[in-house]
PDB file of N, CA and C in Angstrom:
ATOM      1  N   MET A   1      48.328  -7.902   1.819  1.00  0.00           N
ATOM      2  CA  MET A   1      49.664  -8.347   1.285  1.00  0.00           C
ATOM      3  C   MET A   1      49.569  -9.889   1.468  1.00  0.00           C
ATOM      4  N   SER A   2      50.203 -10.609   0.292  1.00  0.00           N
ATOM      5  CA  SER A   2      50.176 -12.014   0.620  1.00  0.00           C
ATOM      6  C   SER A   2      50.999 -12.663   1.355  1.00  0.00           C
ATOM      7  N   LEU A   3      50.968 -13.936   1.849  1.00  0.00           N
ATOM      8  CA  LEU A   3      52.003 -14.416   2.592  1.00  0.00           C
ATOM      9  C   LEU A   3      53.293 -14.360   2.206  1.00  0.00           C
ATOM     10  N   LEU A   4      53.469 -14.635   0.668  1.00  0.00           N
ATOM     11  CA  LEU A   4      54.696 -14.379   0.080  1.00  0.00           C
ATOM     12  C   LEU A   4      55.341 -13.110   0.232  1.00  0.00           C
ATOM     13  N   ASP A   5      54.648 -11.930   0.023  1.00  0.00           N
ATOM     14  CA  ASP A   5      55.208 -10.690   0.082  1.00  0.00           C
ATOM     15  C   ASP A   5      55.295 -10.269   1.463  1.00  0.00           C
ATOM     16  N   THR A   6      54.657 -10.875   2.448  1.00  0.00           N
ATOM     17  CA  THR A   6      54.961 -10.446   3.962  1.00  0.00           C
ATOM     18  C   THR A   6      56.271 -11.109   4.449  1.00  0.00           C
ATOM     19  N   LEU A   7      56.458 -12.558   4.064  1.00  0.00           N
ATOM     20  CA  LEU A   7      57.609 -13.255   4.069  1.00  0.00           C
ATOM     21  C   LEU A   7      58.852 -12.804   3.537  1.00  0.00           C
ATOM     22  N   ALA A   8      58.596 -12.221   2.341  1.00  0.00           N
ATOM     23  CA  ALA A   8      59.690 -11.655   1.481  1.00  0.00           C
ATOM     24  C   ALA A   8      60.500 -10.313   2.174  1.00  0.00           C
ATOM     25  N   ASP A   9      59.228  -9.585   2.559  1.00  0.00           N
ATOM     26  CA  ASP A   9      59.469  -8.247   3.031  1.00  0.00           C
ATOM     27  C   ASP A   9      60.217  -8.373   4.473  1.00  0.00           C
ATOM     28  N   GLU A  10      59.910  -9.190   5.264  1.00  0.00           N
ATOM     29  CA  GLU A  10      60.405  -9.682   6.620  1.00  0.00           C
ATOM     30  C   GLU A  10      62.019  -9.866   6.498  1.00  0.00           C
ATOM     31  N   LEU A  11      61.984 -10.981   5.386  1.00  0.00           N
ATOM     32  CA  LEU A  11      63.511 -11.382   5.168  1.00  0.00           C
ATOM     33  C   LEU A  11      64.379 -10.261   4.621  1.00  0.00           C
ATOM     34  N   ALA A  12      63.794  -9.393   3.936  1.00  0.00           N
ATOM     35  CA  ALA A  12      64.637  -8.215   3.127  1.00  0.00           C
ATOM     36  C   ALA A  12      65.064  -7.425   4.342  1.00  0.00           C
ATOM     37  N   GLN A  13      64.058  -7.001   5.404  1.00  0.00           N
ATOM     38  CA  GLN A  13      64.163  -6.315   6.502  1.00  0.00           C
ATOM     39  C   GLN A  13      65.521  -6.586   7.493  1.00  0.00           C
ATOM     40  N   LYS A  14      65.503  -7.827   7.583  1.00  0.00           N
ATOM     41  CA  LYS A  14      66.621  -8.538   8.348  1.00  0.00           C
ATOM     42  C   LYS A  14      67.912  -8.539   7.747  1.00  0.00           C
ATOM     43  N   ALA A  15      67.698  -8.972   6.266  1.00  0.00           N
ATOM     44  CA  ALA A  15      69.075  -9.072   5.661  1.00  0.00           C
ATOM     45  C   ALA A  15      69.691  -7.725   5.432  1.00  0.00           C
ATOM     46  N   LEU A  16      68.776  -6.623   5.165  1.00  0.00           N
ATOM     47  CA  LEU A  16      69.068  -5.247   5.078  1.00  0.00           C
ATOM     48  C   LEU A  16      69.784  -4.802   6.669  1.00  0.00           C
ATOM     49  N   ALA A  17      69.114  -5.158   7.485  1.00  0.00           N
ATOM     50  CA  ALA A  17      69.663  -4.643   8.816  1.00  0.00           C
ATOM     51  C   ALA A  17      70.930  -5.389   9.321  1.00  0.00           C
ATOM     52  N   LEU A  18      71.118  -6.640   8.883  1.00  0.00           N
ATOM     53  CA  LEU A  18      72.250  -7.483   9.069  1.00  0.00           C
ATOM     54  C   LEU A  18      73.456  -6.907   8.257  1.00  0.00           C
ATOM     55  N   ALA A  19      73.157  -6.409   6.980  1.00  0.00           N
ATOM     56  CA  ALA A  19      74.257  -5.987   6.043  1.00  0.00           C
ATOM     57  C   ALA A  19      74.663  -4.770   6.547  1.00  0.00           C
ATOM     58  N   GLU A  20      73.867  -3.950   7.218  1.00  0.00           N
ATOM     59  CA  GLU A  20      74.492  -2.502   7.848  1.00  0.00           C
ATOM     60  C   GLU A  20      75.152  -2.758   9.006  1.00  0.00           C
ATOM     61  N   LYS A  21      74.731  -3.569   9.791  1.00  0.00           N
ATOM     62  CA  LYS A  21      75.155  -3.969  11.161  1.00  0.00           C
ATOM     63  C   LYS A  21      76.627  -4.310  11.036  1.00  0.00           C
ATOM     64  N   THR A  22      76.849  -5.311  10.009  1.00  0.00           N
ATOM     65  CA  THR A  22      78.087  -5.749   9.898  1.00  0.00           C
ATOM     66  C   THR A  22      78.739  -5.099   8.734  1.00  0.00           C
ATOM     67  N   ASP A  23      78.437  -4.341   7.960  1.00  0.00           N
ATOM     68  CA  ASP A  23      78.899  -3.852   6.764  1.00  0.00           C
ATOM     69  C   ASP A  23      79.251  -4.872   5.730  1.00  0.00           C
ATOM     70  N   ASP A  24      78.541  -5.698   5.410  1.00  0.00           N
ATOM     71  CA  ASP A  24      78.848  -6.622   4.436  1.00  0.00           C
ATOM     72  C   ASP A  24      77.552  -6.888   3.638  1.00  0.00           C
ATOM     73  N   GLU A  25      77.639  -6.182   2.204  1.00  0.00           N
ATOM     74  CA  GLU A  25      76.560  -6.229   1.516  1.00  0.00           C
ATOM     75  C   GLU A  25      76.135  -7.647   0.862  1.00  0.00           C
ATOM     76  N   GLU A  26      77.291  -8.471   1.188  1.00  0.00           N
ATOM     77  CA  GLU A  26      77.051 -10.065   0.406  1.00  0.00           C
ATOM     78  C   GLU A  26      75.930 -10.712   1.177  1.00  0.00           C
ATOM     79  N   VAL A  27      75.655 -10.013   2.397  1.00  0.00           N
ATOM     80  CA  VAL A  27      74.531 -10.566   3.402  1.00  0.00           C
ATOM     81  C   VAL A  27      73.398 -10.921   2.569  1.00  0.00           C
ATOM     82  N   VAL A  28      73.034  -9.515   1.734  1.00  0.00           N
ATOM     83  CA  VAL A  28      71.495  -9.367   0.817  1.00  0.00           C
ATOM     84  C   VAL A  28      71.905 -10.535  -0.287  1.00  0.00           C
ATOM     85  N   LYS A  29      72.843 -10.519  -0.876  1.00  0.00           N
ATOM     86  CA  LYS A  29      73.091 -11.616  -1.918  1.00  0.00           C
ATOM     87  C   LYS A  29      72.968 -12.830  -1.671  1.00  0.00           C
ATOM     88  N   ARG A  30      73.715 -13.420  -0.406  1.00  0.00           N
ATOM     89  CA  ARG A  30      73.574 -14.773  -0.008  1.00  0.00           C
ATOM     90  C   ARG A  30      72.211 -15.008   0.343  1.00  0.00           C
ATOM     91  N   VAL A  31      71.547 -14.346   0.926  1.00  0.00           N
ATOM     92  CA  VAL A  31      70.105 -14.721   1.302  1.00  0.00           C
ATOM     93  C   VAL A  31      69.292 -14.849   0.064  1.00  0.00           C
ATOM     94  N   GLY A  32      69.289 -14.028  -0.763  1.00  0.00           N
ATOM     95  CA  GLY A  32      68.607 -14.187  -2.169  1.00  0.00           C
ATOM     96  C   GLY A  32      68.978 -15.392  -2.888  1.00  0.00           C
ATOM     97  N   GLU A  33      70.495 -15.938  -2.769  1.00  0.00           N
ATOM     98  CA  GLU A  33      70.616 -17.068  -3.722  1.00  0.00           C
ATOM     99  C   GLU A  33      70.168 -18.339  -2.992  1.00  0.00           C
ATOM    100  N   VAL A  34      70.169 -18.304  -1.623  1.00  0.00           N
ATOM    101  CA  VAL A  34      69.592 -19.399  -0.667  1.00  0.00           C
ATOM    102  C   VAL A  34      68.001 -19.403  -1.004  1.00  0.00           C
ATOM    103  N   ILE A  35      67.420 -18.580  -0.971  1.00  0.00           N
ATOM    104  CA  ILE A  35      65.911 -18.714  -1.305  1.00  0.00           C
ATOM    105  C   ILE A  35      65.479 -18.886  -2.677  1.00  0.00           C
ATOM    106  N   GLY A  36      66.546 -18.509  -3.864  1.00  0.00           N
ATOM    107  CA  GLY A  36      66.355 -18.776  -5.217  1.00  0.00           C
ATOM    108  C   GLY A  36      66.572 -20.228  -5.271  1.00  0.00           C
ATOM    109  N   ALA A  37      67.549 -20.744  -4.523  1.00  0.00           N
ATOM    110  CA  ALA A  37      67.714 -22.354  -4.771  1.00  0.00           C
ATOM    111  C   ALA A  37      66.410 -23.451  -4.548  1.00  0.00           C
ATOM    112  N   SER A  38      65.245 -22.572  -3.707  1.00  0.00           N
ATOM    113  CA  SER A  38      64.222 -23.466  -3.521  1.00  0.00           C
ATOM    114  C   SER A  38      63.050 -23.012  -4.251  1.00  0.00           C
ATOM    115  N   SER A  39      62.975 -21.592  -4.303  1.00  0.00           N
ATOM    116  CA  SER A  39      61.882 -20.872  -5.096  1.00  0.00           C
ATOM    117  C   SER A  39      62.096 -19.614  -5.716  1.00  0.00           C
ATOM    118  N   THR A  40      61.943 -19.558  -6.811  1.00  0.00           N
ATOM    119  CA  THR A  40      62.522 -18.466  -7.929  1.00  0.00           C
ATOM    120  C   THR A  40      61.451 -17.396  -7.567  1.00  0.00           C
ATOM    121  N   THR A  41      60.196 -17.841  -7.284  1.00  0.00           N
ATOM    122  CA  THR A  41      59.102 -16.755  -7.030  1.00  0.00           C
ATOM    123  C   THR A  41      59.433 -16.133  -5.916  1.00  0.00           C
ATOM    124  N   MET A  42      59.886 -16.485  -4.489  1.00  0.00           N
ATOM    125  CA  MET A  42      60.272 -16.264  -3.389  1.00  0.00           C
ATOM    126  C   MET A  42      61.396 -15.338  -3.742  1.00  0.00           C
ATOM    127  N   GLU A  43      62.209 -15.655  -4.224  1.00  0.00           N
ATOM    128  CA  GLU A  43      63.475 -14.793  -4.641  1.00  0.00           C
ATOM    129  C   GLU A  43      63.110 -13.488  -5.273  1.00  0.00           C
ATOM    130  N   GLU A  44      62.397 -13.756  -6.336  1.00  0.00           N
ATOM    131  CA  GLU A  44      61.891 -12.396  -6.832  1.00  0.00           C
ATOM    132  C   GLU A  44      61.420 -11.121  -5.915  1.00  0.00           C
ATOM    133  N   ALA A  45      60.426 -11.977  -5.066  1.00  0.00           N
ATOM    134  CA  ALA A  45      59.415 -11.025  -4.116  1.00  0.00           C
ATOM    135  C   ALA A  45      60.417 -10.510  -2.908  1.00  0.00           C
ATOM    136  N   TYR A  46      61.320 -11.505  -2.830  1.00  0.00           N
ATOM    137  CA  TYR A  46      62.691 -10.824  -1.886  1.00  0.00           C
ATOM    138  C   TYR A  46      63.374  -9.667  -2.573  1.00  0.00           C
ATOM    139  N   LEU A  47      63.793  -9.820  -3.528  1.00  0.00           N
ATOM    140  CA  LEU A  47      64.582  -8.820  -4.367  1.00  0.00           C
ATOM    141  C   LEU A  47      63.698  -7.442  -4.617  1.00  0.00           C
ATOM    142  N   THR A  48      62.330  -7.673  -4.919  1.00  0.00           N
ATOM    143  CA  THR A  48      61.670  -6.504  -4.855  1.00  0.00           C
ATOM    144  C   THR A  48      61.425  -6.036  -3.682  1.00  0.00           C
ATOM    145  N   ALA A  49      61.297  -6.464  -2.714  1.00  0.00           N
ATOM    146  CA  ALA A  49      61.325  -6.022  -1.395  1.00  0.00           C
ATOM    147  C   ALA A  49      62.727  -4.999  -1.103  1.00  0.00           C
ATOM    148  N   ILE A  50      63.900  -5.646  -1.365  1.00  0.00           N
ATOM    149  CA  ILE A  50      65.134  -5.046  -1.062  1.00  0.00           C
ATOM    150  C   ILE A  50      65.020  -3.737  -1.897  1.00  0.00           C
ATOM    151  N   ARG A  51      64.562  -3.911  -3.116  1.00  0.00           N
ATOM    152  CA  ARG A  51      64.474  -2.429  -3.849  1.00  0.00           C
ATOM    153  C   ARG A  51      63.790  -1.529  -3.434  1.00  0.00           C
ATOM    154  N   ILE A  52      62.457  -1.877  -2.859  1.00  0.00           N
ATOM    155  CA  ILE A  52      61.395  -1.059  -2.301  1.00  0.00           C
ATOM    156  C   ILE A  52      62.057  -0.416  -0.917  1.00  0.00           C
ATOM    157  N   ARG A  53      62.766  -1.219  -0.019  1.00  0.00           N
ATOM    158  CA  ARG A  53      63.132  -0.598   1.204  1.00  0.00           C
ATOM    159  C   ARG A  53      64.384   0.181   1.003  1.00  0.00           C
ATOM    160  N   ARG A  54      65.302  -0.010   0.037  1.00  0.00           N
ATOM    161  CA  ARG A  54      66.446   0.716  -0.292  1.00  0.00           C
ATOM    162  C   ARG A  54      65.822   2.006  -0.925  1.00  0.00           C
ATOM    163  N   ALA A  55      64.780   2.071  -1.810  1.00  0.00           N
ATOM    164  CA  ALA A  55      64.186   3.200  -2.291  1.00  0.00           C
ATOM    165  C   ALA A  55      63.556   4.028  -1.328  1.00  0.00           C
ATOM    166  N   GLU A  56      62.876   3.442  -0.272  1.00  0.00           N
ATOM    167  CA  GLU A  56      62.500   4.172   0.822  1.00  0.00           C
ATOM    168  C   GLU A  56      63.390   4.874   1.674  1.00  0.00           C
ATOM    169  N   GLY A  57      64.501   4.173   1.884  1.00  0.00           N
ATOM    170  CA  GLY A  57      65.795   4.968   2.563  1.00  0.00           C
ATOM    171  C   GLY A  57      66.251   5.910   2.119  1.00  0.00           C
ATOM    172  N   ARG A  58      66.315   5.921   0.800  1.00  0.00           N
ATOM    173  CA  ARG A  58      67.025   6.950  -0.139  1.00  0.00           C
ATOM    174  C   ARG A  58      65.998   8.158  -0.033  1.00  0.00           C
ATOM    175  N   ALA A  59      64.679   7.957  -0.189  1.00  0.00           N
ATOM    176  CA  ALA A  59      63.478   9.041  -0.114  1.00  0.00           C
ATOM    177  C   ALA A  59      63.537   9.588   1.255  1.00  0.00           C
ATOM    178  N   LEU A  60      63.791   8.750   2.372  1.00  0.00           N
ATOM    179  CA  LEU A  60      63.575   9.353   3.567  1.00  0.00           C
ATOM    180  C   LEU A  60      65.004  10.164   3.862  1.00  0.00           C
ATOM    181  N   ALA A  61      66.006   9.906   3.449  1.00  0.00           N
ATOM    182  CA  ALA A  61      67.321  10.705   3.490  1.00  0.00           C
ATOM    183  C   ALA A  61      66.955  12.028   2.766  1.00  0.00           C
ATOM    184  N   LEU A  62      66.477  11.860   1.639  1.00  0.00           N
ATOM    185  CA  LEU A  62      66.396  13.090   0.901  1.00  0.00           C
ATOM    186  C   LEU A  62      65.563  14.210   1.441  1.00  0.00           C
ATOM    187  N   LEU A  63      64.301  13.551   1.999  1.00  0.00           N
ATOM    188  CA  LEU A  63      63.268  14.463   2.934  1.00  0.00           C
ATOM    189  C   LEU A  63      64.029  15.044   3.890  1.00  0.00           C
ATOM    190  N   LYS A  64      64.824  14.345   4.567  1.00  0.00           N
ATOM    191  CA  LYS A  64      65.609  14.985   5.804  1.00  0.00           C
ATOM    192  C   LYS A  64      66.544  15.848   5.538  1.00  0.00           C
ATOM    193  N   GLU A  65      67.184  15.570   4.500  1.00  0.00           N
ATOM    194  CA  GLU A  65      68.080  16.723   3.901  1.00  0.00           C
ATOM    195  C   GLU A  65      67.514  17.985   3.334  1.00  0.00           C
ATOM    196  N   LEU A  66      66.242  17.873   2.712  1.00  0.00           N
ATOM    197  CA  LEU A  66      65.443  19.016   2.208  1.00  0.00           C
ATOM    198  C   LEU A  66      64.783  19.819   3.536  1.00  0.00           C
ATOM    199  N   ASP A  67      64.328  19.023   4.585  1.00  0.00           N
ATOM    200  CA  ASP A  67      63.966  19.678   5.612  1.00  0.00           C
ATOM    201  C   ASP A  67      64.511  19.141   7.099  1.00  0.00           C
ATOM    202  N   PRO A  68      65.068  19.683   7.492  1.00  0.00           N
ATOM    203  CA  PRO A  68      65.733  18.827   8.726  1.00  0.00           C
ATOM    204  C   PRO A  68      64.986  19.234   9.831  1.00  0.00           C
ATOM    205  N   ASP A  69      63.976  20.025  10.010  1.00  0.00           N
ATOM    206  CA  ASP A  69      62.892  20.055  11.052  1.00  0.00           C
ATOM    207  C   ASP A  69      61.889  19.157  11.121  1.00  0.00           C
ATOM    208  N   GLY A  70      61.760  18.487   9.776  1.00  0.00           N
ATOM    209  CA  GLY A  70      60.455  17.711   9.464  1.00  0.00           C
ATOM    210  C   GLY A  70      60.939  16.159   9.631  1.00  0.00           C
TER     211      GLY A  70
END
């Protein structure tokens, strides 16, 4: 994993955690905007990490629903 991907994923995890904690989805958007003002490359990596983490969450929820013992 490149430095770009590592940093983007760390920011994505922190933004998603804060958004969930505060019930404020704007956190994710605002962080993306701040990143994008300096680096569109980093912004895209961050948004990709957000999508990946959300997809993972949905997949894990489905697995739990399908197999509550697993």
